[in-house]
N, C-alpha and C. Protein backbone atom coordinates (compact mmCIF):
# COMPACT_ATOMS: atom_id res chain seq x y z
N MET A 1 -20.04 -85.38 -296.57
CA MET A 1 -20.92 -84.23 -296.56
C MET A 1 -21.29 -83.90 -295.12
N PRO A 2 -21.17 -82.64 -294.69
CA PRO A 2 -21.46 -82.28 -293.30
C PRO A 2 -22.95 -82.41 -293.01
N GLU A 3 -23.24 -82.77 -291.75
CA GLU A 3 -24.63 -82.88 -291.31
C GLU A 3 -25.23 -81.49 -291.18
N THR A 4 -26.45 -81.31 -291.67
CA THR A 4 -27.09 -80.00 -291.58
C THR A 4 -27.84 -79.88 -290.26
N THR A 5 -27.95 -78.68 -289.77
CA THR A 5 -28.65 -78.40 -288.53
C THR A 5 -30.09 -78.04 -288.84
N LYS A 6 -31.01 -78.67 -288.14
CA LYS A 6 -32.42 -78.34 -288.31
C LYS A 6 -32.70 -76.99 -287.68
N THR A 7 -33.61 -76.25 -288.29
CA THR A 7 -34.01 -74.96 -287.74
C THR A 7 -35.53 -74.90 -287.69
N GLY A 8 -36.05 -73.92 -287.01
CA GLY A 8 -37.49 -73.73 -286.92
C GLY A 8 -38.04 -74.23 -285.60
N LYS A 9 -39.28 -73.85 -285.35
CA LYS A 9 -39.89 -74.22 -284.08
C LYS A 9 -40.29 -75.69 -284.06
N ILE A 10 -40.28 -76.24 -282.88
CA ILE A 10 -40.73 -77.62 -282.67
C ILE A 10 -42.24 -77.55 -282.51
N LEU A 11 -42.96 -78.35 -283.27
CA LEU A 11 -44.41 -78.35 -283.20
C LEU A 11 -44.88 -79.00 -281.91
N ARG A 12 -46.00 -78.54 -281.36
CA ARG A 12 -46.50 -79.06 -280.08
C ARG A 12 -46.76 -80.56 -280.15
N GLY A 13 -47.19 -81.06 -281.30
CA GLY A 13 -47.45 -82.47 -281.46
C GLY A 13 -46.21 -83.35 -281.43
N GLN A 14 -45.02 -82.72 -281.42
CA GLN A 14 -43.77 -83.48 -281.32
C GLN A 14 -43.38 -83.76 -279.87
N ARG A 15 -43.98 -83.05 -278.93
CA ARG A 15 -43.74 -83.28 -277.49
C ARG A 15 -44.96 -84.05 -276.97
N ALA A 16 -44.76 -85.31 -276.66
CA ALA A 16 -45.89 -86.17 -276.32
C ALA A 16 -45.70 -86.83 -274.97
N MET A 17 -46.85 -87.16 -274.36
CA MET A 17 -46.87 -87.83 -273.05
C MET A 17 -47.81 -89.03 -273.12
N TRP A 18 -47.35 -90.14 -272.57
CA TRP A 18 -48.16 -91.36 -272.51
C TRP A 18 -48.25 -91.82 -271.07
N LEU A 19 -49.36 -92.43 -270.74
CA LEU A 19 -49.57 -92.96 -269.40
C LEU A 19 -49.93 -94.44 -269.51
N THR A 20 -49.37 -95.25 -268.60
CA THR A 20 -49.67 -96.68 -268.55
C THR A 20 -49.77 -97.12 -267.10
N PHE A 21 -50.66 -98.06 -266.85
CA PHE A 21 -50.76 -98.66 -265.53
C PHE A 21 -50.13 -100.03 -265.48
N ASP A 22 -49.80 -100.62 -266.65
CA ASP A 22 -49.24 -101.97 -266.68
C ASP A 22 -47.95 -102.08 -267.49
N ASN A 23 -47.43 -100.98 -267.98
CA ASN A 23 -46.20 -100.92 -268.78
C ASN A 23 -46.29 -101.71 -270.08
N THR A 24 -47.50 -101.98 -270.54
CA THR A 24 -47.67 -102.62 -271.85
C THR A 24 -48.70 -101.88 -272.71
N LYS A 25 -49.76 -101.38 -272.10
CA LYS A 25 -50.81 -100.66 -272.83
C LYS A 25 -50.75 -99.19 -272.45
N TYR A 26 -50.54 -98.34 -273.47
CA TYR A 26 -50.35 -96.91 -273.25
C TYR A 26 -51.50 -96.10 -273.82
N THR A 27 -51.74 -94.95 -273.19
CA THR A 27 -52.68 -93.96 -273.72
C THR A 27 -51.89 -92.67 -273.92
N CYS A 28 -51.93 -92.13 -275.14
CA CYS A 28 -51.30 -90.85 -275.42
C CYS A 28 -52.23 -89.76 -274.88
N LEU A 29 -51.71 -88.91 -274.02
CA LEU A 29 -52.52 -87.89 -273.37
C LEU A 29 -52.72 -86.67 -274.27
N GLY A 30 -53.82 -85.97 -274.05
CA GLY A 30 -54.04 -84.71 -274.74
C GLY A 30 -54.98 -84.76 -275.93
N LYS A 31 -55.66 -85.86 -276.15
CA LYS A 31 -56.53 -85.99 -277.31
C LYS A 31 -57.61 -84.91 -277.35
N ASP A 32 -58.16 -84.55 -276.21
CA ASP A 32 -59.22 -83.55 -276.15
C ASP A 32 -58.73 -82.23 -275.55
N SER A 33 -57.44 -81.97 -275.61
CA SER A 33 -56.87 -80.76 -275.02
C SER A 33 -56.12 -79.94 -276.05
N ASP A 34 -56.20 -78.63 -275.90
CA ASP A 34 -55.38 -77.76 -276.74
C ASP A 34 -54.19 -77.22 -275.95
N ASP A 35 -54.07 -77.65 -274.68
CA ASP A 35 -52.95 -77.24 -273.84
C ASP A 35 -52.68 -78.37 -272.86
N LEU A 36 -51.46 -78.85 -272.82
CA LEU A 36 -51.05 -79.92 -271.90
C LEU A 36 -49.61 -79.65 -271.51
N SER A 37 -49.40 -79.29 -270.26
CA SER A 37 -48.08 -78.90 -269.81
C SER A 37 -47.74 -79.54 -268.48
N ILE A 38 -46.47 -79.83 -268.28
CA ILE A 38 -45.98 -80.31 -267.00
C ILE A 38 -45.59 -79.08 -266.19
N ASP A 39 -46.20 -78.94 -265.02
CA ASP A 39 -45.84 -77.86 -264.10
C ASP A 39 -44.63 -78.32 -263.30
N MET A 40 -43.54 -77.57 -263.37
CA MET A 40 -42.32 -77.98 -262.68
C MET A 40 -42.37 -77.73 -261.17
N ASN A 41 -43.20 -76.79 -260.72
CA ASN A 41 -43.36 -76.49 -259.30
C ASN A 41 -42.01 -76.33 -258.59
N PRO A 42 -41.19 -75.35 -259.04
CA PRO A 42 -39.88 -75.18 -258.41
C PRO A 42 -40.00 -74.69 -256.97
N ASP A 43 -39.12 -75.17 -256.12
CA ASP A 43 -39.02 -74.73 -254.74
C ASP A 43 -37.80 -73.83 -254.66
N THR A 44 -38.03 -72.53 -254.80
CA THR A 44 -36.91 -71.58 -254.82
C THR A 44 -37.09 -70.53 -253.73
N GLU A 45 -35.98 -69.91 -253.40
CA GLU A 45 -36.03 -68.81 -252.45
C GLU A 45 -34.87 -67.85 -252.72
N THR A 46 -35.12 -66.60 -252.43
CA THR A 46 -34.08 -65.58 -252.50
C THR A 46 -33.83 -65.11 -251.08
N ILE A 47 -32.58 -65.21 -250.66
CA ILE A 47 -32.21 -64.90 -249.29
C ILE A 47 -31.29 -63.68 -249.30
N LYS A 48 -31.62 -62.71 -248.46
CA LYS A 48 -30.76 -61.54 -248.31
C LYS A 48 -30.20 -61.57 -246.89
N ASN A 49 -28.85 -61.58 -246.80
CA ASN A 49 -28.24 -61.65 -245.48
C ASN A 49 -28.06 -60.26 -244.88
N VAL A 50 -27.56 -60.22 -243.67
CA VAL A 50 -27.41 -58.95 -242.96
C VAL A 50 -26.35 -58.04 -243.59
N GLN A 51 -25.50 -58.57 -244.45
CA GLN A 51 -24.49 -57.77 -245.13
C GLN A 51 -25.02 -57.17 -246.43
N GLY A 52 -26.27 -57.49 -246.75
CA GLY A 52 -26.87 -56.94 -247.95
C GLY A 52 -26.65 -57.79 -249.19
N GLU A 53 -26.06 -58.97 -249.03
CA GLU A 53 -25.84 -59.86 -250.15
C GLU A 53 -27.09 -60.71 -250.39
N THR A 54 -27.39 -60.92 -251.66
CA THR A 54 -28.55 -61.72 -252.02
C THR A 54 -28.10 -63.03 -252.63
N THR A 55 -28.72 -64.09 -252.19
CA THR A 55 -28.41 -65.43 -252.69
C THR A 55 -29.70 -66.07 -253.19
N PHE A 56 -29.61 -66.69 -254.34
CA PHE A 56 -30.74 -67.44 -254.90
C PHE A 56 -30.50 -68.92 -254.66
N VAL A 57 -31.51 -69.62 -254.15
CA VAL A 57 -31.40 -71.05 -253.87
C VAL A 57 -32.53 -71.78 -254.58
N ASN A 58 -32.16 -72.80 -255.37
CA ASN A 58 -33.14 -73.67 -256.00
C ASN A 58 -33.08 -75.01 -255.27
N ASN A 59 -34.15 -75.33 -254.54
CA ASN A 59 -34.20 -76.55 -253.74
C ASN A 59 -34.73 -77.75 -254.51
N GLY A 60 -35.04 -77.56 -255.79
CA GLY A 60 -35.50 -78.68 -256.60
C GLY A 60 -36.90 -78.47 -257.15
N TYR A 61 -37.45 -79.52 -257.68
CA TYR A 61 -38.74 -79.47 -258.37
C TYR A 61 -39.65 -80.59 -257.86
N THR A 62 -40.94 -80.35 -257.97
CA THR A 62 -41.95 -81.36 -257.70
C THR A 62 -42.92 -81.35 -258.88
N PRO A 63 -42.53 -81.95 -260.01
CA PRO A 63 -43.35 -81.87 -261.22
C PRO A 63 -44.71 -82.55 -261.09
N SER A 64 -45.70 -81.92 -261.70
CA SER A 64 -47.04 -82.49 -261.77
C SER A 64 -47.70 -81.99 -263.04
N MET A 65 -48.78 -82.66 -263.42
CA MET A 65 -49.49 -82.26 -264.63
C MET A 65 -50.97 -82.51 -264.44
N SER A 66 -51.78 -81.50 -264.74
CA SER A 66 -53.23 -81.67 -264.72
C SER A 66 -53.67 -82.08 -266.11
N ASN A 67 -54.51 -83.10 -266.19
CA ASN A 67 -54.98 -83.61 -267.46
C ASN A 67 -56.50 -83.55 -267.49
N GLU A 68 -57.05 -82.79 -268.41
CA GLU A 68 -58.50 -82.68 -268.57
C GLU A 68 -58.98 -83.85 -269.41
N TYR A 69 -59.05 -85.00 -268.79
CA TYR A 69 -59.32 -86.26 -269.49
C TYR A 69 -60.80 -86.44 -269.79
N ILE A 70 -61.13 -86.66 -271.06
CA ILE A 70 -62.46 -87.07 -271.49
C ILE A 70 -62.39 -88.59 -271.66
N ALA A 71 -63.18 -89.32 -270.86
CA ALA A 71 -63.11 -90.78 -270.83
C ALA A 71 -63.47 -91.38 -272.19
N ARG A 72 -62.67 -92.34 -272.62
CA ARG A 72 -62.91 -93.09 -273.85
C ARG A 72 -62.76 -94.57 -273.53
N GLN A 73 -63.76 -95.36 -273.91
CA GLN A 73 -63.74 -96.78 -273.59
C GLN A 73 -62.51 -97.49 -274.17
N GLU A 74 -62.00 -97.03 -275.29
CA GLU A 74 -60.85 -97.68 -275.91
C GLU A 74 -59.51 -97.31 -275.27
N ASP A 75 -59.48 -96.32 -274.40
CA ASP A 75 -58.23 -95.92 -273.75
C ASP A 75 -57.81 -96.94 -272.71
N ALA A 76 -56.56 -97.34 -272.75
CA ALA A 76 -56.04 -98.31 -271.78
C ALA A 76 -56.13 -97.80 -270.35
N ILE A 77 -56.05 -96.48 -270.16
CA ILE A 77 -56.08 -95.93 -268.80
C ILE A 77 -57.50 -95.79 -268.25
N TYR A 78 -58.50 -95.81 -269.13
CA TYR A 78 -59.87 -95.53 -268.68
C TYR A 78 -60.33 -96.37 -267.49
N PRO A 79 -60.25 -97.71 -267.52
CA PRO A 79 -60.76 -98.47 -266.37
C PRO A 79 -60.03 -98.15 -265.06
N HIS A 80 -58.77 -97.81 -265.16
CA HIS A 80 -57.98 -97.48 -263.97
C HIS A 80 -58.41 -96.13 -263.39
N ILE A 81 -58.57 -95.14 -264.26
CA ILE A 81 -59.01 -93.81 -263.82
C ILE A 81 -60.42 -93.91 -263.24
N GLN A 82 -61.29 -94.66 -263.90
CA GLN A 82 -62.67 -94.83 -263.42
C GLN A 82 -62.67 -95.50 -262.05
N TYR A 83 -61.81 -96.51 -261.86
CA TYR A 83 -61.72 -97.19 -260.57
C TYR A 83 -61.31 -96.20 -259.47
N ILE A 84 -60.30 -95.38 -259.75
CA ILE A 84 -59.84 -94.40 -258.75
C ILE A 84 -60.99 -93.48 -258.38
N ALA A 85 -61.75 -93.01 -259.37
CA ALA A 85 -62.88 -92.10 -259.12
C ALA A 85 -63.99 -92.81 -258.34
N ASP A 86 -64.34 -94.01 -258.74
CA ASP A 86 -65.45 -94.73 -258.11
C ASP A 86 -65.15 -95.15 -256.67
N HIS A 87 -63.90 -95.54 -256.41
CA HIS A 87 -63.53 -96.08 -255.11
C HIS A 87 -62.73 -95.09 -254.25
N LEU A 88 -62.51 -93.89 -254.78
CA LEU A 88 -61.68 -92.90 -254.09
C LEU A 88 -60.35 -93.53 -253.67
N ALA A 89 -59.78 -94.29 -254.58
CA ALA A 89 -58.56 -95.06 -254.31
C ALA A 89 -57.37 -94.14 -254.04
N VAL A 90 -56.60 -94.52 -253.05
CA VAL A 90 -55.37 -93.79 -252.73
C VAL A 90 -54.17 -94.75 -252.62
N ASP A 91 -54.44 -96.05 -252.72
CA ASP A 91 -53.38 -97.04 -252.54
C ASP A 91 -52.52 -97.14 -253.79
N ASP A 92 -51.26 -97.53 -253.60
CA ASP A 92 -50.31 -97.65 -254.70
C ASP A 92 -50.77 -98.64 -255.77
N ALA A 93 -51.43 -99.71 -255.36
CA ALA A 93 -51.84 -100.73 -256.31
C ALA A 93 -52.76 -100.16 -257.39
N HIS A 94 -53.52 -99.12 -257.06
CA HIS A 94 -54.46 -98.55 -258.03
C HIS A 94 -54.04 -97.19 -258.58
N THR A 95 -53.20 -96.46 -257.87
CA THR A 95 -52.85 -95.10 -258.31
C THR A 95 -51.46 -95.00 -258.94
N ALA A 96 -50.64 -96.03 -258.81
CA ALA A 96 -49.28 -95.99 -259.37
C ALA A 96 -49.33 -96.29 -260.86
N ALA A 97 -48.59 -95.49 -261.63
CA ALA A 97 -48.53 -95.65 -263.08
C ALA A 97 -47.14 -95.23 -263.55
N THR A 98 -46.94 -95.27 -264.85
CA THR A 98 -45.69 -94.81 -265.45
C THR A 98 -46.03 -93.83 -266.56
N MET A 99 -45.29 -92.74 -266.63
CA MET A 99 -45.46 -91.78 -267.70
C MET A 99 -44.19 -91.74 -268.54
N ILE A 100 -44.38 -91.71 -269.85
CA ILE A 100 -43.28 -91.51 -270.79
C ILE A 100 -43.49 -90.15 -271.44
N VAL A 101 -42.44 -89.35 -271.48
CA VAL A 101 -42.48 -88.03 -272.11
C VAL A 101 -41.35 -87.99 -273.13
N ALA A 102 -41.66 -87.53 -274.35
CA ALA A 102 -40.63 -87.52 -275.40
C ALA A 102 -40.81 -86.32 -276.32
N THR A 103 -39.69 -85.87 -276.86
CA THR A 103 -39.69 -84.89 -277.94
C THR A 103 -39.25 -85.65 -279.19
N LEU A 104 -40.15 -85.71 -280.17
CA LEU A 104 -39.98 -86.57 -281.33
C LEU A 104 -39.59 -85.79 -282.58
N ASP A 105 -39.13 -86.51 -283.61
CA ASP A 105 -38.74 -85.86 -284.85
C ASP A 105 -39.94 -85.51 -285.75
N ILE A 106 -41.09 -86.12 -285.49
CA ILE A 106 -42.33 -85.78 -286.21
C ILE A 106 -43.46 -85.76 -285.18
N GLU A 107 -44.62 -85.23 -285.58
CA GLU A 107 -45.76 -85.20 -284.68
C GLU A 107 -46.33 -86.60 -284.48
N VAL A 108 -46.90 -86.84 -283.32
CA VAL A 108 -47.48 -88.14 -282.99
C VAL A 108 -48.55 -88.53 -284.02
N SER A 109 -49.31 -87.56 -284.52
CA SER A 109 -50.39 -87.86 -285.47
C SER A 109 -49.87 -88.47 -286.78
N GLU A 110 -48.59 -88.30 -287.07
CA GLU A 110 -48.00 -88.83 -288.30
C GLU A 110 -47.47 -90.26 -288.14
N THR A 111 -47.60 -90.84 -286.95
CA THR A 111 -46.97 -92.13 -286.70
C THR A 111 -47.76 -93.33 -287.22
N GLY A 112 -48.85 -93.12 -287.91
CA GLY A 112 -49.54 -94.23 -288.54
C GLY A 112 -48.76 -94.76 -289.74
N ALA A 113 -48.18 -93.84 -290.52
CA ALA A 113 -47.43 -94.21 -291.72
C ALA A 113 -45.92 -94.21 -291.48
N LYS A 114 -45.47 -93.51 -290.46
CA LYS A 114 -44.05 -93.37 -290.18
C LYS A 114 -43.78 -93.74 -288.73
N THR A 115 -42.52 -93.98 -288.42
CA THR A 115 -42.10 -94.20 -287.05
C THR A 115 -41.37 -92.95 -286.58
N ALA A 116 -41.80 -92.43 -285.45
CA ALA A 116 -41.15 -91.26 -284.86
C ALA A 116 -40.07 -91.72 -283.90
N THR A 117 -39.02 -90.93 -283.78
CA THR A 117 -37.96 -91.22 -282.82
C THR A 117 -37.59 -89.93 -282.11
N GLY A 118 -37.05 -90.08 -280.92
CA GLY A 118 -36.63 -88.91 -280.17
C GLY A 118 -36.08 -89.29 -278.82
N SER A 119 -35.80 -88.27 -278.04
CA SER A 119 -35.30 -88.49 -276.69
C SER A 119 -36.40 -88.17 -275.70
N GLY A 120 -36.27 -88.75 -274.53
CA GLY A 120 -37.28 -88.52 -273.51
C GLY A 120 -36.94 -89.21 -272.22
N TYR A 121 -37.97 -89.40 -271.41
CA TYR A 121 -37.76 -90.06 -270.13
C TYR A 121 -39.00 -90.83 -269.73
N SER A 122 -38.78 -91.78 -268.83
CA SER A 122 -39.85 -92.54 -268.20
C SER A 122 -39.79 -92.22 -266.71
N VAL A 123 -40.96 -92.08 -266.08
CA VAL A 123 -40.97 -91.73 -264.67
C VAL A 123 -42.17 -92.37 -263.97
N PRO A 124 -41.96 -92.93 -262.77
CA PRO A 124 -43.10 -93.43 -262.01
C PRO A 124 -43.95 -92.25 -261.54
N VAL A 125 -45.26 -92.42 -261.55
CA VAL A 125 -46.18 -91.35 -261.17
C VAL A 125 -47.30 -91.91 -260.29
N LYS A 126 -47.98 -91.01 -259.62
CA LYS A 126 -49.20 -91.32 -258.87
C LYS A 126 -50.32 -90.47 -259.45
N ILE A 127 -51.49 -91.09 -259.58
CA ILE A 127 -52.65 -90.44 -260.17
C ILE A 127 -53.64 -90.05 -259.08
N VAL A 128 -54.12 -88.81 -259.14
CA VAL A 128 -55.14 -88.31 -258.24
C VAL A 128 -56.27 -87.76 -259.10
N VAL A 129 -57.46 -88.35 -258.97
CA VAL A 129 -58.61 -87.87 -259.72
C VAL A 129 -59.11 -86.58 -259.05
N ASP A 130 -59.32 -85.54 -259.86
CA ASP A 130 -59.75 -84.24 -259.34
C ASP A 130 -61.27 -84.16 -259.19
N ASN A 131 -62.01 -84.69 -260.15
CA ASN A 131 -63.47 -84.72 -260.10
C ASN A 131 -63.96 -85.60 -261.24
N ASP A 132 -65.26 -85.82 -261.33
CA ASP A 132 -65.79 -86.50 -262.50
C ASP A 132 -67.15 -85.93 -262.84
N GLY A 133 -67.49 -86.01 -264.12
CA GLY A 133 -68.76 -85.43 -264.61
C GLY A 133 -68.51 -84.70 -265.91
N GLY A 134 -68.53 -83.38 -265.84
CA GLY A 134 -68.23 -82.58 -267.02
C GLY A 134 -69.47 -82.10 -267.75
N SER A 135 -69.24 -81.58 -268.94
CA SER A 135 -70.30 -80.98 -269.75
C SER A 135 -70.91 -82.01 -270.69
N THR A 136 -71.78 -81.55 -271.54
CA THR A 136 -72.44 -82.44 -272.50
C THR A 136 -71.51 -82.88 -273.62
N SER A 137 -70.30 -82.34 -273.67
CA SER A 137 -69.35 -82.73 -274.73
C SER A 137 -68.72 -84.09 -274.48
N GLY A 138 -68.88 -84.63 -273.28
CA GLY A 138 -68.32 -85.93 -272.96
C GLY A 138 -68.09 -86.08 -271.47
N TYR A 139 -68.06 -87.31 -271.01
CA TYR A 139 -67.83 -87.61 -269.60
C TYR A 139 -66.37 -87.34 -269.26
N ALA A 140 -66.16 -86.40 -268.35
CA ALA A 140 -64.80 -85.99 -268.00
C ALA A 140 -64.40 -86.56 -266.64
N ILE A 141 -63.16 -87.00 -266.57
CA ILE A 141 -62.55 -87.42 -265.30
C ILE A 141 -61.17 -86.74 -265.23
N PRO A 142 -61.14 -85.44 -264.97
CA PRO A 142 -59.84 -84.76 -264.88
C PRO A 142 -59.01 -85.35 -263.74
N PHE A 143 -57.71 -85.49 -263.99
CA PHE A 143 -56.84 -86.02 -262.95
C PHE A 143 -55.50 -85.32 -262.99
N THR A 144 -54.78 -85.43 -261.87
CA THR A 144 -53.45 -84.86 -261.75
C THR A 144 -52.44 -85.99 -261.68
N ILE A 145 -51.36 -85.82 -262.43
CA ILE A 145 -50.25 -86.77 -262.45
C ILE A 145 -49.13 -86.17 -261.62
N ASN A 146 -48.72 -86.87 -260.57
CA ASN A 146 -47.65 -86.40 -259.69
C ASN A 146 -46.45 -87.32 -259.85
N GLU A 147 -45.30 -86.77 -260.24
CA GLU A 147 -44.10 -87.60 -260.37
C GLU A 147 -43.74 -88.16 -259.00
N ASP A 148 -43.33 -89.44 -258.99
CA ASP A 148 -43.12 -90.15 -257.73
C ASP A 148 -41.82 -90.95 -257.77
N GLY A 149 -40.77 -90.35 -258.27
CA GLY A 149 -39.49 -91.06 -258.32
C GLY A 149 -38.58 -90.43 -259.34
N ALA A 150 -37.56 -91.19 -259.68
CA ALA A 150 -36.52 -90.70 -260.57
C ALA A 150 -36.94 -90.78 -262.03
N ARG A 151 -36.55 -89.78 -262.79
CA ARG A 151 -36.72 -89.80 -264.25
C ARG A 151 -35.57 -90.60 -264.85
N THR A 152 -35.91 -91.59 -265.66
CA THR A 152 -34.90 -92.36 -266.38
C THR A 152 -34.84 -91.84 -267.81
N GLN A 153 -33.71 -91.30 -268.21
CA GLN A 153 -33.55 -90.73 -269.54
C GLN A 153 -33.32 -91.84 -270.56
N GLY A 154 -33.73 -91.61 -271.79
CA GLY A 154 -33.51 -92.60 -272.83
C GLY A 154 -34.02 -92.15 -274.17
N THR A 155 -34.28 -93.11 -275.04
CA THR A 155 -34.82 -92.82 -276.36
C THR A 155 -36.22 -93.41 -276.46
N VAL A 156 -37.02 -92.81 -277.35
CA VAL A 156 -38.39 -93.25 -277.54
C VAL A 156 -38.63 -93.38 -279.04
N SER A 157 -39.22 -94.48 -279.43
CA SER A 157 -39.70 -94.62 -280.80
C SER A 157 -41.21 -94.83 -280.71
N VAL A 158 -41.92 -94.30 -281.72
CA VAL A 158 -43.38 -94.35 -281.69
C VAL A 158 -43.88 -94.83 -283.04
N ALA A 159 -44.65 -95.92 -283.02
CA ALA A 159 -45.31 -96.44 -284.22
C ALA A 159 -46.79 -96.55 -283.91
N ASP A 160 -47.63 -96.04 -284.77
CA ASP A 160 -49.09 -96.05 -284.56
C ASP A 160 -49.47 -95.47 -283.20
N LYS A 161 -48.80 -94.41 -282.80
CA LYS A 161 -49.04 -93.68 -281.54
C LYS A 161 -48.68 -94.46 -280.28
N VAL A 162 -48.00 -95.61 -280.44
CA VAL A 162 -47.60 -96.43 -279.30
C VAL A 162 -46.10 -96.27 -279.07
N PRO A 163 -45.70 -95.86 -277.85
CA PRO A 163 -44.28 -95.63 -277.60
C PRO A 163 -43.53 -96.89 -277.18
N THR A 164 -42.25 -96.91 -277.52
CA THR A 164 -41.32 -97.90 -277.00
C THR A 164 -40.18 -97.11 -276.37
N PHE A 165 -39.98 -97.29 -275.08
CA PHE A 165 -38.94 -96.57 -274.35
C PHE A 165 -37.74 -97.47 -274.15
N THR A 166 -36.54 -96.94 -274.43
CA THR A 166 -35.30 -97.65 -274.20
C THR A 166 -34.41 -96.76 -273.33
N ALA A 167 -34.12 -97.24 -272.14
CA ALA A 167 -33.24 -96.48 -271.24
C ALA A 167 -31.90 -96.29 -271.93
N GLY A 168 -31.38 -95.07 -271.84
CA GLY A 168 -30.14 -94.75 -272.55
C GLY A 168 -29.02 -94.41 -271.63
N ASN A 169 -28.02 -93.77 -272.23
CA ASN A 169 -26.82 -93.39 -271.49
C ASN A 169 -27.00 -92.10 -270.71
N ALA A 170 -28.15 -91.45 -270.90
CA ALA A 170 -28.39 -90.20 -270.21
C ALA A 170 -28.51 -90.45 -268.71
N SER A 171 -28.32 -89.40 -267.94
CA SER A 171 -28.34 -89.54 -266.49
C SER A 171 -29.75 -89.71 -265.96
N THR A 172 -29.85 -90.28 -264.79
CA THR A 172 -31.11 -90.41 -264.09
C THR A 172 -31.11 -89.36 -263.00
N VAL A 173 -32.20 -88.61 -262.91
CA VAL A 173 -32.32 -87.59 -261.88
C VAL A 173 -32.89 -88.28 -260.64
N ASN A 174 -32.16 -88.20 -259.54
CA ASN A 174 -32.57 -88.90 -258.33
C ASN A 174 -33.53 -88.07 -257.51
N ASP A 175 -34.43 -88.75 -256.80
CA ASP A 175 -35.36 -88.05 -255.93
C ASP A 175 -34.74 -87.90 -254.55
N ASN A 176 -35.36 -87.02 -253.75
CA ASN A 176 -34.92 -86.87 -252.37
C ASN A 176 -36.13 -86.80 -251.49
N SER A 177 -35.95 -86.66 -250.19
CA SER A 177 -37.06 -86.71 -249.25
C SER A 177 -37.91 -85.44 -249.29
N GLU A 178 -37.40 -84.35 -249.76
CA GLU A 178 -38.14 -83.09 -249.78
C GLU A 178 -39.07 -82.97 -250.97
N SER A 179 -38.65 -83.43 -252.14
CA SER A 179 -39.50 -83.34 -253.32
C SER A 179 -39.26 -84.60 -254.15
N SER A 180 -40.18 -84.85 -255.06
CA SER A 180 -40.07 -86.09 -255.82
C SER A 180 -38.88 -86.10 -256.75
N LEU A 181 -38.50 -84.94 -257.27
CA LEU A 181 -37.34 -84.87 -258.17
C LEU A 181 -36.50 -83.67 -257.79
N SER A 182 -35.22 -83.85 -257.73
CA SER A 182 -34.34 -82.75 -257.38
C SER A 182 -32.93 -83.07 -257.82
N ASP A 183 -32.19 -82.02 -258.16
CA ASP A 183 -30.75 -82.22 -258.38
C ASP A 183 -29.99 -80.96 -258.11
């Protein structure tokens, strides 16, 4: 019997991001957000030469993501983010983390009873706290995630909202001196 092709839109809850500072305890990002996107920050230019010809040049990407984080004591990332805010940390020992991004076959919220699977990547990142405080809805420590190396492609399985990343046969995008990621 031939395999059928899935149709329809991919739900936002199927594209998930996790952050870890120790590669064992993960926090799924976006719990208090209705919008969470990775900004690709392309470095592009359009050049017109003296002959009137126009050339488009894509010099690569410097991906980053702003996260409107509401601190939760149970989040594995909370003590690390709080430390960065309290100490204005800029050193690798405190700001280096790993992010896993995946597009799954079901939404993350369904992974209590089911296991989600999909493709994605793992990437080293640096965390920069933007501010701390917030409104009466909760203590906020918004931070920016800056990719800091090569994306390793692979597969991701998720059980109880916890990801397991397995590096796959997909290519790794190498970084260069101009931007963190480029090809």
